[in-house]
Amino acid sequence: MKPEKPKKIRILDAVPDLDRIDRELLRALQQNARLANKELAARVGLAESSCHERVKRLTASGVLRGFHAEVEPRALGVGLQALVAVKLQRHTSSAVASFREAVLAHGETVALFHVAGANDFLVHVAVRDSDALRDLILRAFTARPEVGHVETSLIYEHARNAGFGAVDVS
């Protein structure tokens, strides 16, 4: 199966104002994206049609970016995960774009973070074992002409905060 073409970073032109109901909808969907519209509407105290329209609006505006299934990595043969810190030789637009596109094309890439600080990228990867990790680092990272330095940290545990956004930080 051919890997999905990497999506460009989507930047919201204008972040819509979220009211209490919008935040409750987002919180409920983060905890369980499979909620039926009827149950979602009941949880937030809206008519089903109003709930459906709000979810459509949140999706169309880019606030709600997708619905995902969280899969047990071992079920897919993943025995090892790591964060790979990458420092580019030169931090130019073309080097950033080239590296980003290349890394996202690898099926082992779980997530990519373009960061500030000592490194330019943090890449979350998932592989079968340490041999596969070494091969991936050599093939996908150190062989890239724009890469100056790579440092790998093994992940012992990974947990996702399904309540992210529950707290209003404004």
C-alpha atoms as a PDB file:
ATOM      1  CA  MET A   1       0.000   0.000   0.000  1.00  0.00           C
ATOM      2  CA  LYS A   2       1.391   3.378  -1.027  1.00  0.00           C
ATOM      3  CA  PRO A   3       1.857   5.804   1.903  1.00  0.00           C
ATOM      4  CA  GLU A   4      -0.485   8.781   2.012  1.00  0.00           C
ATOM      5  CA  LYS A   5       1.031  11.982   0.638  1.00  0.00           C
ATOM      6  CA  PRO A   6       2.047  14.235   3.549  1.00  0.00           C
ATOM      7  CA  LYS A   7      -0.342  17.082   4.208  1.00  0.00           C
ATOM      8  CA  LYS A   8       0.920  20.626   4.396  1.00  0.00           C
ATOM      9  CA  ILE A   9       0.763  22.316   7.762  1.00  0.00           C
ATOM     10  CA  ARG A  10      -2.624  23.966   8.032  1.00  0.00           C
ATOM     11  CA  ILE A  11      -2.557  27.342   9.682  1.00  0.00           C
ATOM     12  CA  LEU A  12      -5.860  28.864  10.651  1.00  0.00           C
ATOM     13  CA  ASP A  13      -6.286  32.328   9.185  1.00  0.00           C
ATOM     14  CA  ALA A  14      -8.618  33.356  11.962  1.00  0.00           C
ATOM     15  CA  VAL A  15      -9.244  31.107  14.918  1.00  0.00           C
ATOM     16  CA  PRO A  16     -12.970  31.084  15.550  1.00  0.00           C
ATOM     17  CA  ASP A  17     -14.214  32.014  18.996  1.00  0.00           C
ATOM     18  CA  LEU A  18     -15.167  28.884  20.893  1.00  0.00           C
ATOM     19  CA  ASP A  19     -17.974  29.080  23.397  1.00  0.00           C
ATOM     20  CA  ARG A  20     -18.663  26.707  26.293  1.00  0.00           C
ATOM     21  CA  ILE A  21     -20.692  24.335  24.106  1.00  0.00           C
ATOM     22  CA  ASP A  22     -17.962  24.156  21.437  1.00  0.00           C
ATOM     23  CA  ARG A  23     -15.395  23.299  24.121  1.00  0.00           C
ATOM     24  CA  GLU A  24     -17.677  20.626  25.588  1.00  0.00           C
ATOM     25  CA  LEU A  25     -18.157  19.125  22.111  1.00  0.00           C
ATOM     26  CA  LEU A  26     -14.396  19.054  21.533  1.00  0.00           C
ATOM     27  CA  ARG A  27     -13.725  17.526  24.958  1.00  0.00           C
ATOM     28  CA  ALA A  28     -16.341  14.796  24.422  1.00  0.00           C
ATOM     29  CA  LEU A  29     -15.028  13.967  20.944  1.00  0.00           C
ATOM     30  CA  GLN A  30     -11.426  13.834  22.198  1.00  0.00           C
ATOM     31  CA  GLN A  31     -12.446  11.283  24.786  1.00  0.00           C
ATOM     32  CA  ASN A  32     -14.508   9.247  22.309  1.00  0.00           C
ATOM     33  CA  ALA A  33     -14.585  10.233  18.642  1.00  0.00           C
ATOM     34  CA  ARG A  34     -17.112   7.478  17.937  1.00  0.00           C
ATOM     35  CA  LEU A  35     -19.928   9.125  19.863  1.00  0.00           C
ATOM     36  CA  ALA A  36     -23.134   9.161  17.860  1.00  0.00           C
ATOM     37  CA  ASN A  37     -24.528  12.637  17.196  1.00  0.00           C
ATOM     38  CA  LYS A  38     -27.553  11.794  19.369  1.00  0.00           C
ATOM     39  CA  GLU A  39     -25.386  10.969  22.390  1.00  0.00           C
ATOM     40  CA  LEU A  40     -23.050  13.909  21.750  1.00  0.00           C
ATOM     41  CA  ALA A  41     -26.016  16.294  21.614  1.00  0.00           C
ATOM     42  CA  ALA A  42     -27.399  14.904  24.878  1.00  0.00           C
ATOM     43  CA  ARG A  43     -24.025  15.314  26.622  1.00  0.00           C
ATOM     44  CA  VAL A  44     -23.779  18.995  25.766  1.00  0.00           C
ATOM     45  CA  GLY A  45     -27.486  19.832  25.996  1.00  0.00           C
ATOM     46  CA  LEU A  46     -28.177  20.634  22.335  1.00  0.00           C
ATOM     47  CA  ALA A  47     -30.754  19.550  19.798  1.00  0.00           C
ATOM     48  CA  GLU A  48     -29.303  16.899  17.475  1.00  0.00           C
ATOM     49  CA  SER A  49     -29.505  19.179  14.428  1.00  0.00           C
ATOM     50  CA  SER A  50     -27.708  22.011  16.258  1.00  0.00           C
ATOM     51  CA  CYS A  51     -25.025  19.610  17.474  1.00  0.00           C
ATOM     52  CA  HIS A  52     -24.480  18.270  13.966  1.00  0.00           C
ATOM     53  CA  GLU A  53     -24.169  21.805  12.560  1.00  0.00           C
ATOM     54  CA  ARG A  54     -21.657  22.818  15.249  1.00  0.00           C
ATOM     55  CA  VAL A  55     -19.474  19.769  14.587  1.00  0.00           C
ATOM     56  CA  LYS A  56     -19.615  20.525  10.837  1.00  0.00           C
ATOM     57  CA  ARG A  57     -18.634  24.159  11.536  1.00  0.00           C
ATOM     58  CA  LEU A  58     -15.771  23.114  13.830  1.00  0.00           C
ATOM     59  CA  THR A  59     -14.526  20.742  11.129  1.00  0.00           C
ATOM     60  CA  ALA A  60     -14.891  23.214   8.254  1.00  0.00           C
ATOM     61  CA  SER A  61     -13.075  25.945  10.207  1.00  0.00           C
ATOM     62  CA  GLY A  62     -10.113  23.647  10.914  1.00  0.00           C
ATOM     63  CA  VAL A  63     -10.607  23.527  14.691  1.00  0.00           C
ATOM     64  CA  LEU A  64     -11.633  19.871  14.550  1.00  0.00           C
ATOM     65  CA  ARG A  65      -8.945  18.358  12.339  1.00  0.00           C
ATOM     66  CA  GLY A  66      -9.916  14.697  12.261  1.00  0.00           C
ATOM     67  CA  PHE A  67     -11.178  11.603  13.992  1.00  0.00           C
ATOM     68  CA  HIS A  68      -8.691   8.878  14.843  1.00  0.00           C
ATOM     69  CA  ALA A  69      -8.499   5.329  16.092  1.00  0.00           C
ATOM     70  CA  GLU A  70      -5.819   4.681  18.683  1.00  0.00           C
ATOM     71  CA  VAL A  71      -4.243   1.305  17.901  1.00  0.00           C
ATOM     72  CA  GLU A  72      -2.142  -0.880  20.198  1.00  0.00           C
ATOM     73  CA  PRO A  73       1.358  -0.709  18.599  1.00  0.00           C
ATOM     74  CA  ARG A  74       2.202  -4.347  19.423  1.00  0.00           C
ATOM     75  CA  ALA A  75      -0.810  -5.466  17.368  1.00  0.00           C
ATOM     76  CA  LEU A  76       0.987  -3.989  14.345  1.00  0.00           C
ATOM     77  CA  GLY A  77       4.343  -5.581  15.178  1.00  0.00           C
ATOM     78  CA  VAL A  78       5.776  -2.429  16.785  1.00  0.00           C
ATOM     79  CA  GLY A  79       8.080  -3.347  19.639  1.00  0.00           C
ATOM     80  CA  LEU A  80      10.045  -0.120  19.948  1.00  0.00           C
ATOM     81  CA  GLN A  81       9.295   3.577  19.720  1.00  0.00           C
ATOM     82  CA  ALA A  82      11.745   6.461  19.806  1.00  0.00           C
ATOM     83  CA  LEU A  83      12.058  10.213  19.536  1.00  0.00           C
ATOM     84  CA  VAL A  84      14.697  11.246  17.040  1.00  0.00           C
ATOM     85  CA  ALA A  85      16.094  14.744  17.577  1.00  0.00           C
ATOM     86  CA  VAL A  86      17.430  16.195  14.330  1.00  0.00           C
ATOM     87  CA  LYS A  87      19.583  19.251  13.769  1.00  0.00           C
ATOM     88  CA  LEU A  88      19.839  20.392  10.180  1.00  0.00           C
ATOM     89  CA  GLN A  89      23.139  21.594   8.738  1.00  0.00           C
ATOM     90  CA  ARG A  90      21.399  24.770   7.552  1.00  0.00           C
ATOM     91  CA  HIS A  91      17.942  25.856   8.610  1.00  0.00           C
ATOM     92  CA  THR A  92      16.691  27.092   5.236  1.00  0.00           C
ATOM     93  CA  SER A  93      13.146  26.862   3.884  1.00  0.00           C
ATOM     94  CA  SER A  94      14.183  24.356   1.254  1.00  0.00           C
ATOM     95  CA  ALA A  95      16.076  22.164   3.761  1.00  0.00           C
ATOM     96  CA  VAL A  96      13.142  22.200   6.171  1.00  0.00           C
ATOM     97  CA  ALA A  97      10.646  21.336   3.412  1.00  0.00           C
ATOM     98  CA  SER A  98      12.863  18.613   1.942  1.00  0.00           C
ATOM     99  CA  PHE A  99      13.517  16.960   5.296  1.00  0.00           C
ATOM    100  CA  ARG A 100       9.869  17.223   6.371  1.00  0.00           C
ATOM    101  CA  GLU A 101       8.578  15.644   3.159  1.00  0.00           C
ATOM    102  CA  ALA A 102      11.147  12.835   3.220  1.00  0.00           C
ATOM    103  CA  VAL A 103      10.556  11.889   6.854  1.00  0.00           C
ATOM    104  CA  LEU A 104       6.759  11.942   6.550  1.00  0.00           C
ATOM    105  CA  ALA A 105       7.014   9.562   3.576  1.00  0.00           C
ATOM    106  CA  HIS A 106       8.348   6.806   5.875  1.00  0.00           C
ATOM    107  CA  GLY A 107       5.674   4.540   7.316  1.00  0.00           C
ATOM    108  CA  GLU A 108       7.588   4.342  10.589  1.00  0.00           C
ATOM    109  CA  THR A 109       7.046   8.049  11.261  1.00  0.00           C
ATOM    110  CA  VAL A 110       4.270   8.551  13.817  1.00  0.00           C
ATOM    111  CA  ALA A 111       4.608  12.308  14.270  1.00  0.00           C
ATOM    112  CA  LEU A 112       6.886  15.154  13.266  1.00  0.00           C
ATOM    113  CA  PHE A 113       7.506  18.277  15.318  1.00  0.00           C
ATOM    114  CA  HIS A 114       9.350  21.293  13.900  1.00  0.00           C
ATOM    115  CA  VAL A 115      10.769  22.882  17.048  1.00  0.00           C
ATOM    116  CA  ALA A 116      12.865  25.752  18.337  1.00  0.00           C
ATOM    117  CA  GLY A 117      15.948  25.202  20.461  1.00  0.00           C
ATOM    118  CA  ALA A 118      19.036  23.053  20.070  1.00  0.00           C
ATOM    119  CA  ASN A 119      17.321  20.793  17.525  1.00  0.00           C
ATOM    120  CA  ASP A 120      15.203  21.586  14.509  1.00  0.00           C
ATOM    121  CA  PHE A 121      12.916  18.538  14.565  1.00  0.00           C
ATOM    122  CA  LEU A 122      11.685  15.859  16.909  1.00  0.00           C
ATOM    123  CA  VAL A 123      10.409  12.803  15.080  1.00  0.00           C
ATOM    124  CA  HIS A 124       8.361  10.109  16.811  1.00  0.00           C
ATOM    125  CA  VAL A 125       9.046   6.766  15.117  1.00  0.00           C
ATOM    126  CA  ALA A 126       7.686   3.269  15.693  1.00  0.00           C
ATOM    127  CA  VAL A 127       9.584   0.170  14.560  1.00  0.00           C
ATOM    128  CA  ARG A 128       9.757  -3.591  15.104  1.00  0.00           C
ATOM    129  CA  ASP A 129      12.997  -3.692  17.132  1.00  0.00           C
ATOM    130  CA  SER A 130      16.403  -2.078  17.685  1.00  0.00           C
ATOM    131  CA  ASP A 131      17.784  -3.424  14.391  1.00  0.00           C
ATOM    132  CA  ALA A 132      14.885  -1.808  12.512  1.00  0.00           C
ATOM    133  CA  LEU A 133      15.483   1.446  14.418  1.00  0.00           C
ATOM    134  CA  ARG A 134      19.166   1.477  13.461  1.00  0.00           C
ATOM    135  CA  ASP A 135      18.294   0.788   9.809  1.00  0.00           C
ATOM    136  CA  LEU A 136      15.672   3.560   9.811  1.00  0.00           C
ATOM    137  CA  ILE A 137      18.084   6.078  11.352  1.00  0.00           C
ATOM    138  CA  LEU A 138      20.732   5.259   8.746  1.00  0.00           C
ATOM    139  CA  ARG A 139      18.305   5.202   5.803  1.00  0.00           C
ATOM    140  CA  ALA A 140      15.915   8.043   6.642  1.00  0.00           C
ATOM    141  CA  PHE A 141      17.978  10.431   8.738  1.00  0.00           C
ATOM    142  CA  THR A 142      21.778  10.298   8.583  1.00  0.00           C
ATOM    143  CA  ALA A 143      21.785   9.661   4.825  1.00  0.00           C
ATOM    144  CA  ARG A 144      19.896  12.922   4.204  1.00  0.00           C
ATOM    145  CA  PRO A 145      22.217  15.696   2.957  1.00  0.00           C
ATOM    146  CA  GLU A 146      20.490  18.406   5.027  1.00  0.00           C
ATOM    147  CA  VAL A 147      20.933  16.531   8.334  1.00  0.00           C
ATOM    148  CA  GLY A 148      23.833  17.618  10.525  1.00  0.00           C
ATOM    149  CA  HIS A 149      23.177  15.716  13.758  1.00  0.00           C
ATOM    150  CA  VAL A 150      20.816  13.001  15.012  1.00  0.00           C
ATOM    151  CA  GLU A 151      20.187  11.916  18.582  1.00  0.00           C
ATOM    152  CA  THR A 152      17.799   9.089  19.444  1.00  0.00           C
ATOM    153  CA  SER A 153      15.885   8.634  22.698  1.00  0.00           C
ATOM    154  CA  LEU A 154      13.933   5.439  23.325  1.00  0.00           C
ATOM    155  CA  ILE A 155      10.355   5.789  24.508  1.00  0.00           C
ATOM    156  CA  TYR A 156       9.533   3.609  27.502  1.00  0.00           C
ATOM    157  CA  GLU A 157       5.915   4.700  27.731  1.00  0.00           C
ATOM    158  CA  HIS A 158       3.568   6.760  25.616  1.00  0.00           C
ATOM    159  CA  ALA A 159       0.267   8.136  26.873  1.00  0.00           C
ATOM    160  CA  ARG A 160      -2.080  10.537  25.146  1.00  0.00           C
ATOM    161  CA  ASN A 161      -4.012  13.168  27.078  1.00  0.00           C
ATOM    162  CA  ALA A 162      -7.566  12.752  25.796  1.00  0.00           C
ATOM    163  CA  GLY A 163      -8.550  15.758  27.882  1.00  0.00           C
ATOM    164  CA  PHE A 164      -6.286  18.217  26.070  1.00  0.00           C
ATOM    165  CA  GLY A 165      -8.216  21.420  25.547  1.00  0.00           C
ATOM    166  CA  ALA A 166     -10.469  20.763  28.506  1.00  0.00           C
ATOM    167  CA  VAL A 167      -8.838  23.653  30.324  1.00  0.00           C
ATOM    168  CA  ASP A 168      -9.409  27.103  28.922  1.00  0.00           C
ATOM    169  CA  VAL A 169      -5.935  28.648  28.634  1.00  0.00           C
ATOM    170  CA  SER A 170      -7.127  32.016  27.370  1.00  0.00           C
END
